[in-house]
Protein backbone atom coordinates (compact mmCIF):
# COMPACT_ATOMS: atom_id res chain seq x y z
CA MET A 1 19.76 -20.98 18.76
CA GLY A 2 18.99 -17.74 18.61
CA GLN A 3 20.63 -16.99 15.79
CA VAL A 4 17.92 -18.34 13.54
CA HIS A 5 15.96 -16.45 15.58
CA GLN A 6 17.48 -13.35 14.61
CA ASN A 7 16.95 -14.78 10.96
CA LEU A 8 13.93 -15.39 10.72
CA TRP A 9 12.46 -12.02 12.10
CA ARG A 10 15.14 -9.94 9.65
CA LEU A 11 13.65 -12.29 6.70
CA GLN A 12 10.00 -11.82 8.42
CA HIS A 13 10.31 -7.46 8.27
CA ASN A 14 12.43 -7.79 4.83
CA LEU A 15 9.45 -9.39 3.50
CA ARG A 16 6.62 -6.88 4.74
CA CYS A 17 8.73 -3.91 3.72
CA TRP A 18 8.76 -5.89 0.22
CA SER A 19 4.72 -6.73 0.03
CA ASN A 20 4.16 -2.96 1.45
CA SER A 21 6.74 -1.18 -1.50
CA ARG A 22 5.01 -3.61 -3.92
CA ILE A 23 2.16 -4.16 -3.38
CA GLY A 24 1.12 -1.63 -0.59
CA ASP A 25 -2.52 -1.00 1.20
CA LEU A 26 -4.43 -2.68 -2.08
CA PRO A 27 -7.94 -1.84 0.09
CA LYS A 28 -6.84 1.81 0.73
CA LYS A 29 -5.47 2.11 -3.00
CA VAL A 30 -9.42 0.58 -3.96
CA ALA A 31 -11.19 3.26 -2.38
CA GLU A 32 -8.75 5.75 -3.34
CA ALA A 33 -9.43 4.96 -7.03
CA HIS A 34 -13.18 4.71 -6.50
CA GLY A 35 -13.54 7.91 -4.90
CA SER A 36 -11.30 9.34 -7.83
CA LEU A 37 -13.48 7.63 -10.39
CA ASP A 38 -16.70 8.91 -8.69
CA SER A 39 -15.39 12.34 -8.94
CA LEU A 40 -14.81 12.64 -12.25
CA LEU A 41 -18.19 11.40 -13.11
CA GLN A 42 -20.01 14.26 -10.44
CA GLN A 43 -17.86 16.39 -12.13
CA ASP A 44 -19.33 15.44 -15.71
CA GLN A 45 -22.76 15.12 -14.90
CA ASP A 46 -22.41 18.90 -12.99
CA PRO A 47 -23.42 21.14 -15.65
CA GLY A 48 -21.56 24.20 -14.56
CA LEU A 49 -18.20 22.51 -15.15
CA PRO A 50 -16.47 21.83 -18.25
CA ASN A 51 -16.74 17.96 -19.04
CA VAL A 52 -14.39 15.70 -18.27
CA PRO A 53 -12.30 13.82 -21.31
CA LEU A 54 -13.50 10.37 -21.87
CA GLY A 55 -10.18 9.38 -21.82
CA HIS A 56 -9.86 10.15 -17.75
CA ILE A 57 -13.11 8.61 -17.02
CA ARG A 58 -11.66 5.52 -19.23
CA ALA A 59 -8.11 5.80 -17.46
CA ALA A 60 -9.98 5.86 -13.78
CA THR A 61 -11.87 2.77 -14.70
CA ASN A 62 -9.10 1.04 -15.73
CA LYS A 63 -7.28 1.52 -12.53
CA LEU A 64 -10.12 0.89 -10.39
CA THR A 65 -10.49 -2.57 -12.10
CA ALA A 66 -6.89 -3.62 -12.09
CA LEU A 67 -6.46 -2.86 -8.19
CA GLU A 68 -10.39 -4.73 -7.80
CA ARG A 69 -8.66 -7.60 -9.77
CA GLN A 70 -5.04 -7.55 -7.70
CA LEU A 71 -7.43 -7.64 -4.41
CA GLU A 72 -9.65 -10.56 -5.89
CA ILE A 73 -6.44 -12.47 -6.27
CA PHE A 74 -4.85 -12.22 -3.30
CA TRP A 75 -7.64 -12.78 -1.26
CA ALA A 76 -8.01 -16.11 -3.12
CA GLN A 77 -4.37 -16.43 -2.73
CA ARG A 78 -4.60 -16.04 1.14
CA SER A 79 -7.72 -18.41 1.42
CA HIS A 80 -5.52 -20.88 -0.03
CA ALA A 81 -2.80 -20.30 2.65
CA LYS A 82 -4.91 -21.11 5.33
């Protein structure tokens, strides 16, 4: 019985490591992407600073949208598991 418990504990540890490496902390990533986009938009509106290329704003928006969608899918899957 001890060997089964040890194998299950090792599996749990490995799955958590895999999850952190593949997904990471999604809410933190969303917050960082949101902050990055806000920073770009503020810089673009400041007349004293050079304009931000539209491609940078579009890329930041796409990244934020993708992360928010990923987070939405995560919570939808989690709600079905409970």
